[in-house]
PDB file of N, CA and C in Angstrom:
ATOM      1  N   UNK A   1     -34.045-153.381-139.241  1.00  0.00           N
ATOM      2  CA  UNK A   1     -34.941-152.960-138.247  1.00  0.00           C
ATOM      3  C   UNK A   1     -34.874-154.543-137.470  1.00  0.00           C
ATOM      4  N   UNK A   2     -35.083-154.367-136.038  1.00  0.00           N
ATOM      5  CA  UNK A   2     -35.344-155.133-135.726  1.00  0.00           C
ATOM      6  C   UNK A   2     -36.661-156.059-135.001  1.00  0.00           C
ATOM      7  N   UNK A   3     -36.335-156.811-134.410  1.00  0.00           N
ATOM      8  CA  UNK A   3     -38.013-157.804-134.754  1.00  0.00           C
ATOM      9  C   UNK A   3     -38.854-157.021-133.717  1.00  0.00           C
ATOM     10  N   UNK A   4     -38.521-156.797-132.939  1.00  0.00           N
ATOM     11  CA  UNK A   4     -39.527-155.573-131.622  1.00  0.00           C
ATOM     12  C   UNK A   4     -39.789-154.850-132.742  1.00  0.00           C
ATOM     13  N   UNK A   5     -38.666-154.004-133.413  1.00  0.00           N
ATOM     14  CA  UNK A   5     -39.052-152.619-134.517  1.00  0.00           C
ATOM     15  C   UNK A   5     -40.256-153.203-135.005  1.00  0.00           C
ATOM     16  N   UNK A   6     -40.026-154.353-135.660  1.00  0.00           N
ATOM     17  CA  UNK A   6     -41.078-154.926-136.701  1.00  0.00           C
ATOM     18  C   UNK A   6     -42.848-155.206-135.991  1.00  0.00           C
ATOM     19  N   UNK A   7     -42.466-155.733-134.600  1.00  0.00           N
ATOM     20  CA  UNK A   7     -43.591-156.140-133.906  1.00  0.00           C
ATOM     21  C   UNK A   7     -44.547-154.781-133.590  1.00  0.00           C
ATOM     22  N   UNK A   8     -43.660-153.792-133.583  1.00  0.00           N
ATOM     23  CA  UNK A   8     -44.413-152.651-132.872  1.00  0.00           C
ATOM     24  C   UNK A   8     -44.595-151.266-134.160  1.00  0.00           C
ATOM     25  N   UNK A   9     -44.098-151.307-135.405  1.00  0.00           N
ATOM     26  CA  UNK A   9     -44.014-151.013-136.426  1.00  0.00           C
ATOM     27  C   UNK A   9     -43.544-149.995-136.226  1.00  0.00           C
ATOM     28  N   UNK A  10     -42.025-149.818-135.146  1.00  0.00           N
ATOM     29  CA  UNK A  10     -41.428-148.990-134.984  1.00  0.00           C
ATOM     30  C   UNK A  10     -40.049-149.134-135.935  1.00  0.00           C
ATOM     31  N   UNK A  11     -39.969-148.013-136.689  1.00  0.00           N
ATOM     32  CA  UNK A  11     -38.549-148.124-137.285  1.00  0.00           C
ATOM     33  C   UNK A  11     -38.065-146.648-136.986  1.00  0.00           C
ATOM     34  N   UNK A  12     -36.677-146.989-136.863  1.00  0.00           N
ATOM     35  CA  UNK A  12     -35.896-145.226-136.865  1.00  0.00           C
ATOM     36  C   UNK A  12     -35.724-144.078-137.962  1.00  0.00           C
ATOM     37  N   UNK A  13     -36.489-143.471-137.299  1.00  0.00           N
ATOM     38  CA  UNK A  13     -36.680-142.562-138.303  1.00  0.00           C
ATOM     39  C   UNK A  13     -37.799-142.293-139.291  1.00  0.00           C
ATOM     40  N   UNK A  14     -38.473-143.142-139.374  1.00  0.00           N
ATOM     41  CA  UNK A  14     -40.107-143.209-140.073  1.00  0.00           C
ATOM     42  C   UNK A  14     -40.402-142.328-139.600  1.00  0.00           C
ATOM     43  N   UNK A  15     -40.968-142.082-138.661  1.00  0.00           N
ATOM     44  CA  UNK A  15     -41.607-140.399-138.348  1.00  0.00           C
ATOM     45  C   UNK A  15     -41.064-139.256-138.753  1.00  0.00           C
ATOM     46  N   UNK A  16     -40.110-139.220-138.706  1.00  0.00           N
ATOM     47  CA  UNK A  16     -39.035-138.225-138.916  1.00  0.00           C
ATOM     48  C   UNK A  16     -39.413-137.232-140.162  1.00  0.00           C
ATOM     49  N   UNK A  17     -39.977-135.806-140.033  1.00  0.00           N
ATOM     50  CA  UNK A  17     -40.292-134.848-140.993  1.00  0.00           C
ATOM     51  C   UNK A  17     -38.564-134.519-141.496  1.00  0.00           C
ATOM     52  N   UNK A  18     -38.950-134.823-143.060  1.00  0.00           N
ATOM     53  CA  UNK A  18     -37.780-134.551-144.241  1.00  0.00           C
ATOM     54  C   UNK A  18     -37.100-133.433-144.446  1.00  0.00           C
ATOM     55  N   UNK A  19     -37.640-132.031-143.750  1.00  0.00           N
ATOM     56  CA  UNK A  19     -37.473-130.984-143.579  1.00  0.00           C
ATOM     57  C   UNK A  19     -36.541-131.111-142.057  1.00  0.00           C
ATOM     58  N   UNK A  20     -36.617-131.817-140.969  1.00  0.00           N
ATOM     59  CA  UNK A  20     -35.583-131.846-140.222  1.00  0.00           C
ATOM     60  C   UNK A  20     -35.182-132.887-139.775  1.00  0.00           C
ATOM     61  N   UNK A  21     -34.080-133.318-140.575  1.00  0.00           N
ATOM     62  CA  UNK A  21     -33.322-134.433-140.358  1.00  0.00           C
ATOM     63  C   UNK A  21     -32.853-134.930-139.012  1.00  0.00           C
ATOM     64  N   UNK A  22     -32.428-134.139-138.720  1.00  0.00           N
ATOM     65  CA  UNK A  22     -31.292-133.950-137.299  1.00  0.00           C
ATOM     66  C   UNK A  22     -32.801-133.559-136.039  1.00  0.00           C
ATOM     67  N   UNK A  23     -33.519-133.458-136.118  1.00  0.00           N
ATOM     68  CA  UNK A  23     -34.923-133.642-134.837  1.00  0.00           C
ATOM     69  C   UNK A  23     -34.381-134.388-133.959  1.00  0.00           C
ATOM     70  N   UNK A  24     -34.241-134.001-132.749  1.00  0.00           N
ATOM     71  CA  UNK A  24     -34.001-134.963-131.461  1.00  0.00           C
ATOM     72  C   UNK A  24     -35.575-135.649-131.397  1.00  0.00           C
ATOM     73  N   UNK A  25     -34.815-136.878-131.160  1.00  0.00           N
ATOM     74  CA  UNK A  25     -36.622-138.337-131.071  1.00  0.00           C
ATOM     75  C   UNK A  25     -37.679-137.269-130.499  1.00  0.00           C
ATOM     76  N   UNK A  26     -38.615-137.219-130.371  1.00  0.00           N
ATOM     77  CA  UNK A  26     -39.879-136.982-130.288  1.00  0.00           C
ATOM     78  C   UNK A  26     -40.521-135.524-130.768  1.00  0.00           C
ATOM     79  N   UNK A  27     -39.513-134.829-131.524  1.00  0.00           N
ATOM     80  CA  UNK A  27     -40.097-133.413-131.291  1.00  0.00           C
ATOM     81  C   UNK A  27     -40.679-133.434-132.719  1.00  0.00           C
ATOM     82  N   UNK A  28     -41.015-131.992-132.924  1.00  0.00           N
ATOM     83  CA  UNK A  28     -41.872-132.409-134.267  1.00  0.00           C
ATOM     84  C   UNK A  28     -42.490-130.845-134.125  1.00  0.00           C
ATOM     85  N   UNK A  29     -42.483-130.585-135.675  1.00  0.00           N
ATOM     86  CA  UNK A  29     -42.629-129.158-136.091  1.00  0.00           C
ATOM     87  C   UNK A  29     -44.514-128.449-135.469  1.00  0.00           C
ATOM     88  N   UNK A  30     -44.860-128.964-134.842  1.00  0.00           N
ATOM     89  CA  UNK A  30     -45.760-128.772-134.023  1.00  0.00           C
ATOM     90  C   UNK A  30     -45.638-128.411-132.773  1.00  0.00           C
ATOM     91  N   UNK A  31     -44.941-129.200-132.007  1.00  0.00           N
ATOM     92  CA  UNK A  31     -44.391-128.901-131.149  1.00  0.00           C
ATOM     93  C   UNK A  31     -43.652-127.717-130.724  1.00  0.00           C
ATOM     94  N   UNK A  32     -43.139-127.471-132.055  1.00  0.00           N
ATOM     95  CA  UNK A  32     -41.582-126.312-131.862  1.00  0.00           C
ATOM     96  C   UNK A  32     -43.050-124.883-132.086  1.00  0.00           C
ATOM     97  N   UNK A  33     -44.267-125.015-132.788  1.00  0.00           N
ATOM     98  CA  UNK A  33     -45.317-124.059-133.117  1.00  0.00           C
ATOM     99  C   UNK A  33     -45.464-123.623-132.008  1.00  0.00           C
ATOM    100  N   UNK A  34     -46.011-124.343-130.930  1.00  0.00           N
ATOM    101  CA  UNK A  34     -46.084-124.898-129.671  1.00  0.00           C
ATOM    102  C   UNK A  34     -45.754-123.859-128.720  1.00  0.00           C
ATOM    103  N   UNK A  35     -44.152-124.230-128.631  1.00  0.00           N
ATOM    104  CA  UNK A  35     -43.621-123.829-127.659  1.00  0.00           C
ATOM    105  C   UNK A  35     -43.273-122.599-128.040  1.00  0.00           C
ATOM    106  N   UNK A  36     -43.032-121.571-129.551  1.00  0.00           N
ATOM    107  CA  UNK A  36     -42.891-120.577-130.425  1.00  0.00           C
ATOM    108  C   UNK A  36     -44.154-119.766-129.619  1.00  0.00           C
ATOM    109  N   UNK A  37     -45.065-120.102-129.635  1.00  0.00           N
ATOM    110  CA  UNK A  37     -46.661-119.506-129.360  1.00  0.00           C
ATOM    111  C   UNK A  37     -45.941-118.675-127.660  1.00  0.00           C
ATOM    112  N   UNK A  38     -45.518-120.318-127.017  1.00  0.00           N
ATOM    113  CA  UNK A  38     -45.804-119.609-125.309  1.00  0.00           C
ATOM    114  C   UNK A  38     -45.024-118.573-125.516  1.00  0.00           C
ATOM    115  N   UNK A  39     -43.472-118.466-126.257  1.00  0.00           N
ATOM    116  CA  UNK A  39     -42.618-117.326-126.168  1.00  0.00           C
ATOM    117  C   UNK A  39     -42.853-116.212-126.664  1.00  0.00           C
ATOM    118  N   UNK A  40     -44.405-115.909-127.263  1.00  0.00           N
ATOM    119  CA  UNK A  40     -44.593-114.921-128.146  1.00  0.00           C
ATOM    120  C   UNK A  40     -43.581-115.363-129.443  1.00  0.00           C
ATOM    121  N   UNK A  41     -43.798-116.018-130.153  1.00  0.00           N
ATOM    122  CA  UNK A  41     -42.825-116.039-131.443  1.00  0.00           C
ATOM    123  C   UNK A  41     -43.980-116.965-132.294  1.00  0.00           C
ATOM    124  N   UNK A  42     -43.711-116.082-133.864  1.00  0.00           N
ATOM    125  CA  UNK A  42     -44.303-116.923-134.813  1.00  0.00           C
ATOM    126  C   UNK A  42     -42.881-117.328-135.574  1.00  0.00           C
ATOM    127  N   UNK A  43     -43.185-118.759-136.304  1.00  0.00           N
ATOM    128  CA  UNK A  43     -42.169-118.968-136.738  1.00  0.00           C
ATOM    129  C   UNK A  43     -42.218-119.173-138.332  1.00  0.00           C
ATOM    130  N   UNK A  44     -41.059-118.237-138.609  1.00  0.00           N
ATOM    131  CA  UNK A  44     -41.103-117.468-139.842  1.00  0.00           C
ATOM    132  C   UNK A  44     -39.973-118.508-141.070  1.00  0.00           C
ATOM    133  N   UNK A  45     -39.715-118.440-141.585  1.00  0.00           N
ATOM    134  CA  UNK A  45     -38.593-119.219-142.583  1.00  0.00           C
ATOM    135  C   UNK A  45     -36.877-119.239-141.437  1.00  0.00           C
ATOM    136  N   UNK A  46     -37.029-117.986-141.543  1.00  0.00           N
ATOM    137  CA  UNK A  46     -34.854-117.485-140.848  1.00  0.00           C
ATOM    138  C   UNK A  46     -35.652-117.964-139.812  1.00  0.00           C
ATOM    139  N   UNK A  47     -36.761-118.251-138.455  1.00  0.00           N
ATOM    140  CA  UNK A  47     -36.279-118.900-137.460  1.00  0.00           C
ATOM    141  C   UNK A  47     -36.272-120.663-137.842  1.00  0.00           C
ATOM    142  N   UNK A  48     -37.293-121.007-139.069  1.00  0.00           N
ATOM    143  CA  UNK A  48     -37.220-122.380-138.961  1.00  0.00           C
ATOM    144  C   UNK A  48     -35.222-122.711-139.507  1.00  0.00           C
ATOM    145  N   UNK A  49     -35.292-121.902-140.020  1.00  0.00           N
ATOM    146  CA  UNK A  49     -33.849-122.103-139.948  1.00  0.00           C
ATOM    147  C   UNK A  49     -32.679-122.267-139.120  1.00  0.00           C
ATOM    148  N   UNK A  50     -32.681-121.622-138.392  1.00  0.00           N
ATOM    149  CA  UNK A  50     -32.008-121.472-137.019  1.00  0.00           C
ATOM    150  C   UNK A  50     -32.073-122.738-136.295  1.00  0.00           C
ATOM    151  N   UNK A  51     -33.464-123.225-136.262  1.00  0.00           N
ATOM    152  CA  UNK A  51     -34.097-124.225-135.327  1.00  0.00           C
ATOM    153  C   UNK A  51     -33.093-124.946-135.949  1.00  0.00           C
ATOM    154  N   UNK A  52     -33.424-125.339-137.565  1.00  0.00           N
ATOM    155  CA  UNK A  52     -32.775-126.390-138.161  1.00  0.00           C
ATOM    156  C   UNK A  52     -30.626-126.764-137.184  1.00  0.00           C
ATOM    157  N   UNK A  53     -30.602-125.436-138.046  1.00  0.00           N
ATOM    158  CA  UNK A  53     -29.038-125.348-137.602  1.00  0.00           C
ATOM    159  C   UNK A  53     -28.611-125.490-136.106  1.00  0.00           C
ATOM    160  N   UNK A  54     -29.428-125.482-135.484  1.00  0.00           N
ATOM    161  CA  UNK A  54     -28.957-125.985-133.633  1.00  0.00           C
ATOM    162  C   UNK A  54     -29.364-127.077-133.756  1.00  0.00           C
ATOM    163  N   UNK A  55     -30.504-127.880-134.582  1.00  0.00           N
ATOM    164  CA  UNK A  55     -30.631-129.416-134.664  1.00  0.00           C
ATOM    165  C   UNK A  55     -29.386-130.063-135.363  1.00  0.00           C
ATOM    166  N   UNK A  56     -28.510-129.213-136.028  1.00  0.00           N
ATOM    167  CA  UNK A  56     -27.923-129.961-136.872  1.00  0.00           C
ATOM    168  C   UNK A  56     -26.774-129.691-136.375  1.00  0.00           C
ATOM    169  N   UNK A  57     -25.887-128.865-135.252  1.00  0.00           N
ATOM    170  CA  UNK A  57     -24.792-128.703-134.105  1.00  0.00           C
ATOM    171  C   UNK A  57     -25.258-130.170-133.449  1.00  0.00           C
ATOM    172  N   UNK A  58     -26.494-129.975-132.830  1.00  0.00           N
ATOM    173  CA  UNK A  58     -26.649-131.173-131.686  1.00  0.00           C
ATOM    174  C   UNK A  58     -26.643-132.282-131.958  1.00  0.00           C
ATOM    175  N   UNK A  59     -26.777-132.615-133.292  1.00  0.00           N
ATOM    176  CA  UNK A  59     -26.475-134.138-134.094  1.00  0.00           C
ATOM    177  C   UNK A  59     -25.141-134.184-134.079  1.00  0.00           C
ATOM    178  N   UNK A  60     -24.316-133.203-134.558  1.00  0.00           N
ATOM    179  CA  UNK A  60     -23.119-133.903-134.915  1.00  0.00           C
ATOM    180  C   UNK A  60     -21.942-134.077-133.860  1.00  0.00           C
ATOM    181  N   UNK A  61     -22.684-133.376-133.127  1.00  0.00           N
ATOM    182  CA  UNK A  61     -21.653-133.181-131.284  1.00  0.00           C
ATOM    183  C   UNK A  61     -22.554-133.606-130.308  1.00  0.00           C
ATOM    184  N   UNK A  62     -21.300-134.299-129.470  1.00  0.00           N
ATOM    185  CA  UNK A  62     -21.658-135.312-128.594  1.00  0.00           C
ATOM    186  C   UNK A  62     -22.945-134.080-127.790  1.00  0.00           C
ATOM    187  N   UNK A  63     -24.151-133.994-127.684  1.00  0.00           N
ATOM    188  CA  UNK A  63     -25.586-133.355-126.774  1.00  0.00           C
ATOM    189  C   UNK A  63     -24.475-132.964-125.511  1.00  0.00           C
ATOM    190  N   UNK A  64     -24.283-134.161-124.366  1.00  0.00           N
ATOM    191  CA  UNK A  64     -23.790-134.015-123.037  1.00  0.00           C
ATOM    192  C   UNK A  64     -22.928-133.006-123.384  1.00  0.00           C
ATOM    193  N   UNK A  65     -21.681-132.930-124.244  1.00  0.00           N
ATOM    194  CA  UNK A  65     -20.678-132.085-124.464  1.00  0.00           C
ATOM    195  C   UNK A  65     -20.810-130.512-124.928  1.00  0.00           C
ATOM    196  N   UNK A  66     -21.908-130.468-125.149  1.00  0.00           N
ATOM    197  CA  UNK A  66     -21.724-129.358-126.169  1.00  0.00           C
ATOM    198  C   UNK A  66     -21.457-128.120-125.815  1.00  0.00           C
ATOM    199  N   UNK A  67     -19.901-127.031-126.239  1.00  0.00           N
ATOM    200  CA  UNK A  67     -19.283-126.274-125.644  1.00  0.00           C
ATOM    201  C   UNK A  67     -20.348-124.946-126.503  1.00  0.00           C
ATOM    202  N   UNK A  68     -21.095-124.156-125.258  1.00  0.00           N
ATOM    203  CA  UNK A  68     -21.504-123.088-125.504  1.00  0.00           C
ATOM    204  C   UNK A  68     -20.815-122.405-126.549  1.00  0.00           C
ATOM    205  N   UNK A  69     -19.152-121.843-126.328  1.00  0.00           N
ATOM    206  CA  UNK A  69     -18.850-120.818-126.860  1.00  0.00           C
ATOM    207  C   UNK A  69     -18.988-121.442-128.675  1.00  0.00           C
ATOM    208  N   UNK A  70     -18.260-122.824-128.420  1.00  0.00           N
ATOM    209  CA  UNK A  70     -18.284-123.540-129.552  1.00  0.00           C
ATOM    210  C   UNK A  70     -19.758-122.644-130.737  1.00  0.00           C
ATOM    211  N   UNK A  71     -20.361-123.398-129.893  1.00  0.00           N
ATOM    212  CA  UNK A  71     -21.978-123.377-130.361  1.00  0.00           C
ATOM    213  C   UNK A  71     -22.211-122.023-130.742  1.00  0.00           C
ATOM    214  N   UNK A  72     -22.139-120.772-129.996  1.00  0.00           N
ATOM    215  CA  UNK A  72     -22.383-119.656-130.053  1.00  0.00           C
ATOM    216  C   UNK A  72     -21.170-119.057-131.230  1.00  0.00           C
ATOM    217  N   UNK A  73     -20.218-119.680-131.712  1.00  0.00           N
ATOM    218  CA  UNK A  73     -19.318-119.218-132.499  1.00  0.00           C
ATOM    219  C   UNK A  73     -19.544-119.502-134.308  1.00  0.00           C
ATOM    220  N   UNK A  74     -20.632-121.108-134.035  1.00  0.00           N
ATOM    221  CA  UNK A  74     -20.679-121.692-135.020  1.00  0.00           C
ATOM    222  C   UNK A  74     -22.035-121.118-135.860  1.00  0.00           C
ATOM    223  N   UNK A  75     -22.786-120.569-135.075  1.00  0.00           N
ATOM    224  CA  UNK A  75     -23.790-120.001-135.613  1.00  0.00           C
ATOM    225  C   UNK A  75     -23.757-118.435-135.863  1.00  0.00           C
ATOM    226  N   UNK A  76     -22.611-118.294-135.403  1.00  0.00           N
ATOM    227  CA  UNK A  76     -22.253-116.781-135.799  1.00  0.00           C
ATOM    228  C   UNK A  76     -22.004-116.940-137.127  1.00  0.00           C
ATOM    229  N   UNK A  77     -21.109-118.103-137.019  1.00  0.00           N
ATOM    230  CA  UNK A  77     -20.862-118.384-139.126  1.00  0.00           C
ATOM    231  C   UNK A  77     -21.510-118.691-140.021  1.00  0.00           C
ATOM    232  N   UNK A  78     -22.561-119.592-139.367  1.00  0.00           N
ATOM    233  CA  UNK A  78     -23.365-119.957-140.122  1.00  0.00           C
ATOM    234  C   UNK A  78     -24.085-118.873-140.838  1.00  0.00           C
ATOM    235  N   UNK A  79     -24.258-118.117-139.800  1.00  0.00           N
ATOM    236  CA  UNK A  79     -25.607-116.944-140.497  1.00  0.00           C
ATOM    237  C   UNK A  79     -25.037-115.618-140.260  1.00  0.00           C
ATOM    238  N   UNK A  80     -23.894-115.431-141.187  1.00  0.00           N
ATOM    239  CA  UNK A  80     -22.837-114.536-141.083  1.00  0.00           C
ATOM    240  C   UNK A  80     -23.869-114.045-142.585  1.00  0.00           C
ATOM    241  N   UNK A  81     -23.849-114.068-143.781  1.00  0.00           N
ATOM    242  CA  UNK A  81     -24.602-113.511-144.623  1.00  0.00           C
ATOM    243  C   UNK A  81     -25.694-112.581-144.091  1.00  0.00           C
ATOM    244  N   UNK A  82     -26.523-113.165-143.111  1.00  0.00           N
ATOM    245  CA  UNK A  82     -27.928-112.352-142.888  1.00  0.00           C
ATOM    246  C   UNK A  82     -27.943-110.872-141.319  1.00  0.00           C
ATOM    247  N   UNK A  83     -25.686-111.264-140.830  1.00  0.00           N
ATOM    248  CA  UNK A  83     -25.982-110.710-139.949  1.00  0.00           C
ATOM    249  C   UNK A  83     -25.413-111.527-138.471  1.00  0.00           C
ATOM    250  N   UNK A  84     -25.352-112.285-138.572  1.00  0.00           N
ATOM    251  CA  UNK A  84     -24.670-113.313-137.489  1.00  0.00           C
ATOM    252  C   UNK A  84     -25.855-113.074-136.340  1.00  0.00           C
ATOM    253  N   UNK A  85     -24.946-113.329-135.041  1.00  0.00           N
ATOM    254  CA  UNK A  85     -25.489-113.515-133.863  1.00  0.00           C
ATOM    255  C   UNK A  85     -26.299-112.428-133.755  1.00  0.00           C
ATOM    256  N   UNK A  86     -26.278-111.513-134.238  1.00  0.00           N
ATOM    257  CA  UNK A  86     -26.920-110.283-133.714  1.00  0.00           C
ATOM    258  C   UNK A  86     -27.982-110.434-134.838  1.00  0.00           C
ATOM    259  N   UNK A  87     -28.768-111.489-136.002  1.00  0.00           N
ATOM    260  CA  UNK A  87     -29.648-111.510-136.774  1.00  0.00           C
ATOM    261  C   UNK A  87     -30.576-112.495-135.593  1.00  0.00           C
ATOM    262  N   UNK A  88     -29.551-113.347-135.239  1.00  0.00           N
ATOM    263  CA  UNK A  88     -30.037-114.692-134.208  1.00  0.00           C
ATOM    264  C   UNK A  88     -30.897-113.991-133.011  1.00  0.00           C
ATOM    265  N   UNK A  89     -30.375-112.545-132.447  1.00  0.00           N
ATOM    266  CA  UNK A  89     -30.597-112.407-131.400  1.00  0.00           C
ATOM    267  C   UNK A  89     -32.085-111.363-131.700  1.00  0.00           C
ATOM    268  N   UNK A  90     -32.392-111.014-133.013  1.00  0.00           N
ATOM    269  CA  UNK A  90     -33.167-110.347-133.290  1.00  0.00           C
ATOM    270  C   UNK A  90     -34.800-111.567-133.858  1.00  0.00           C
ATOM    271  N   UNK A  91     -34.267-112.755-134.028  1.00  0.00           N
ATOM    272  CA  UNK A  91     -35.473-113.777-134.048  1.00  0.00           C
ATOM    273  C   UNK A  91     -35.777-114.557-132.858  1.00  0.00           C
ATOM    274  N   UNK A  92     -34.338-114.430-131.939  1.00  0.00           N
ATOM    275  CA  UNK A  92     -34.922-115.181-130.364  1.00  0.00           C
ATOM    276  C   UNK A  92     -34.235-113.916-129.413  1.00  0.00           C
ATOM    277  N   UNK A  93     -35.072-113.197-129.379  1.00  0.00           N
ATOM    278  CA  UNK A  93     -34.828-112.280-128.155  1.00  0.00           C
ATOM    279  C   UNK A  93     -34.530-112.452-126.954  1.00  0.00           C
ATOM    280  N   UNK A  94     -34.934-113.872-126.825  1.00  0.00           N
ATOM    281  CA  UNK A  94     -34.496-114.848-125.232  1.00  0.00           C
ATOM    282  C   UNK A  94     -33.339-115.630-125.432  1.00  0.00           C
ATOM    283  N   UNK A  95     -32.691-115.131-126.513  1.00  0.00           N
ATOM    284  CA  UNK A  95     -31.510-116.125-126.491  1.00  0.00           C
ATOM    285  C   UNK A  95     -31.593-116.324-127.629  1.00  0.00           C
ATOM    286  N   UNK A  96     -30.575-116.711-128.910  1.00  0.00           N
ATOM    287  CA  UNK A  96     -30.743-117.739-129.715  1.00  0.00           C
ATOM    288  C   UNK A  96     -30.494-119.135-129.606  1.00  0.00           C
ATOM    289  N   UNK A  97     -29.680-119.536-128.143  1.00  0.00           N
ATOM    290  CA  UNK A  97     -29.197-120.568-128.174  1.00  0.00           C
ATOM    291  C   UNK A  97     -29.918-120.862-126.725  1.00  0.00           C
ATOM    292  N   UNK A  98     -30.176-120.041-125.932  1.00  0.00           N
ATOM    293  CA  UNK A  98     -31.437-120.451-125.121  1.00  0.00           C
ATOM    294  C   UNK A  98     -32.700-120.427-125.715  1.00  0.00           C
ATOM    295  N   UNK A  99     -33.220-119.941-125.947  1.00  0.00           N
ATOM    296  CA  UNK A  99     -34.683-119.727-126.459  1.00  0.00           C
ATOM    297  C   UNK A  99     -34.699-120.398-127.484  1.00  0.00           C
ATOM    298  N   UNK A 100     -33.904-120.460-128.598  1.00  0.00           N
ATOM    299  CA  UNK A 100     -33.969-121.312-129.615  1.00  0.00           C
ATOM    300  C   UNK A 100     -33.748-122.906-129.470  1.00  0.00           C
ATOM    301  N   UNK A 101     -32.706-123.309-128.353  1.00  0.00           N
ATOM    302  CA  UNK A 101     -32.722-124.670-128.024  1.00  0.00           C
ATOM    303  C   UNK A 101     -34.399-125.002-127.651  1.00  0.00           C
ATOM    304  N   UNK A 102     -35.393-124.503-126.624  1.00  0.00           N
ATOM    305  CA  UNK A 102     -36.123-124.950-126.161  1.00  0.00           C
ATOM    306  C   UNK A 102     -37.301-125.146-127.094  1.00  0.00           C
ATOM    307  N   UNK A 103     -37.154-124.056-128.383  1.00  0.00           N
ATOM    308  CA  UNK A 103     -38.377-124.928-129.150  1.00  0.00           C
ATOM    309  C   UNK A 103     -37.873-125.271-130.466  1.00  0.00           C
ATOM    310  N   UNK A 104     -36.548-126.116-130.282  1.00  0.00           N
ATOM    311  CA  UNK A 104     -35.819-126.908-131.565  1.00  0.00           C
ATOM    312  C   UNK A 104     -36.191-128.105-130.703  1.00  0.00           C
ATOM    313  N   UNK A 105     -36.204-128.241-129.250  1.00  0.00           N
ATOM    314  CA  UNK A 105     -36.482-129.372-128.366  1.00  0.00           C
ATOM    315  C   UNK A 105     -34.838-130.054-127.790  1.00  0.00           C
ATOM    316  N   UNK A 106     -34.470-129.060-127.546  1.00  0.00           N
ATOM    317  CA  UNK A 106     -32.759-129.881-127.102  1.00  0.00           C
ATOM    318  C   UNK A 106     -32.485-128.722-126.240  1.00  0.00           C
ATOM    319  N   UNK A 107     -31.603-130.077-125.289  1.00  0.00           N
ATOM    320  CA  UNK A 107     -31.425-128.810-123.937  1.00  0.00           C
ATOM    321  C   UNK A 107     -30.402-128.535-123.866  1.00  0.00           C
ATOM    322  N   UNK A 108     -30.631-127.003-123.113  1.00  0.00           N
ATOM    323  CA  UNK A 108     -29.709-125.648-123.787  1.00  0.00           C
ATOM    324  C   UNK A 108     -28.013-126.314-123.192  1.00  0.00           C
ATOM    325  N   UNK A 109     -27.169-126.050-123.654  1.00  0.00           N
ATOM    326  CA  UNK A 109     -25.755-126.156-122.796  1.00  0.00           C
ATOM    327  C   UNK A 109     -25.594-124.975-121.551  1.00  0.00           C
ATOM    328  N   UNK A 110     -24.862-125.723-120.457  1.00  0.00           N
ATOM    329  CA  UNK A 110     -24.511-124.845-119.913  1.00  0.00           C
ATOM    330  C   UNK A 110     -24.384-123.610-119.925  1.00  0.00           C
ATOM    331  N   UNK A 111     -24.352-122.408-118.900  1.00  0.00           N
ATOM    332  CA  UNK A 111     -24.229-121.275-118.857  1.00  0.00           C
ATOM    333  C   UNK A 111     -25.098-120.560-120.186  1.00  0.00           C
ATOM    334  N   UNK A 112     -26.071-121.311-121.109  1.00  0.00           N
ATOM    335  CA  UNK A 112     -27.151-120.518-121.891  1.00  0.00           C
ATOM    336  C   UNK A 112     -27.611-119.449-121.338  1.00  0.00           C
ATOM    337  N   UNK A 113     -28.283-119.461-120.157  1.00  0.00           N
ATOM    338  CA  UNK A 113     -29.112-118.475-119.880  1.00  0.00           C
ATOM    339  C   UNK A 113     -27.994-117.173-118.552  1.00  0.00           C
ATOM    340  N   UNK A 114     -27.067-117.345-119.125  1.00  0.00           N
ATOM    341  CA  UNK A 114     -25.963-116.590-118.078  1.00  0.00           C
ATOM    342  C   UNK A 114     -25.992-115.527-118.339  1.00  0.00           C
ATOM    343  N   UNK A 115     -26.443-114.275-117.696  1.00  0.00           N
ATOM    344  CA  UNK A 115     -26.793-112.853-118.550  1.00  0.00           C
ATOM    345  C   UNK A 115     -25.530-112.230-118.672  1.00  0.00           C
ATOM    346  N   UNK A 116     -24.504-112.864-117.623  1.00  0.00           N
ATOM    347  CA  UNK A 116     -23.345-112.305-118.338  1.00  0.00           C
ATOM    348  C   UNK A 116     -22.392-113.069-119.246  1.00  0.00           C
ATOM    349  N   UNK A 117     -22.998-113.893-119.622  1.00  0.00           N
ATOM    350  CA  UNK A 117     -22.770-114.334-121.218  1.00  0.00           C
ATOM    351  C   UNK A 117     -23.014-113.636-122.118  1.00  0.00           C
ATOM    352  N   UNK A 118     -24.033-112.763-122.205  1.00  0.00           N
ATOM    353  CA  UNK A 118     -24.897-111.889-123.265  1.00  0.00           C
ATOM    354  C   UNK A 118     -26.071-112.989-123.693  1.00  0.00           C
ATOM    355  N   UNK A 119     -26.202-114.083-122.878  1.00  0.00           N
ATOM    356  CA  UNK A 119     -27.567-114.594-122.583  1.00  0.00           C
ATOM    357  C   UNK A 119     -28.832-114.016-121.678  1.00  0.00           C
ATOM    358  N   UNK A 120     -29.941-114.354-122.576  1.00  0.00           N
ATOM    359  CA  UNK A 120     -31.006-113.736-121.820  1.00  0.00           C
ATOM    360  C   UNK A 120     -32.075-114.991-121.297  1.00  0.00           C
ATOM    361  N   UNK A 121     -32.848-115.317-120.532  1.00  0.00           N
ATOM    362  CA  UNK A 121     -33.888-116.203-120.480  1.00  0.00           C
ATOM    363  C   UNK A 121     -34.860-116.121-121.352  1.00  0.00           C
TER     364      UNK A 121
END
């Protein structure tokens, strides 16, 4: 911890919710609830799991270079037992990447709302 962090009381990760270890800086579950409400969604455990998966993927990859196809494939694989990407589209009718990223506090990769790719806004 730096001297400035000690003075201001800031410490990296100190405010993070332990259920969301990969959450972006400044994101909170309360912000997700508000964003979901705006989108007409209620956040149940399935949606929270998808949000955690998105945050983890972005944390493990350079967020500025996230490849939409690779992210899509990773989500399909991670949620394969529940039905894969079809399951995620049921959870996020606005697109698991586009809508999921908005709620997870992430910047969706380029093309995430391209209707020709199968995403919806």
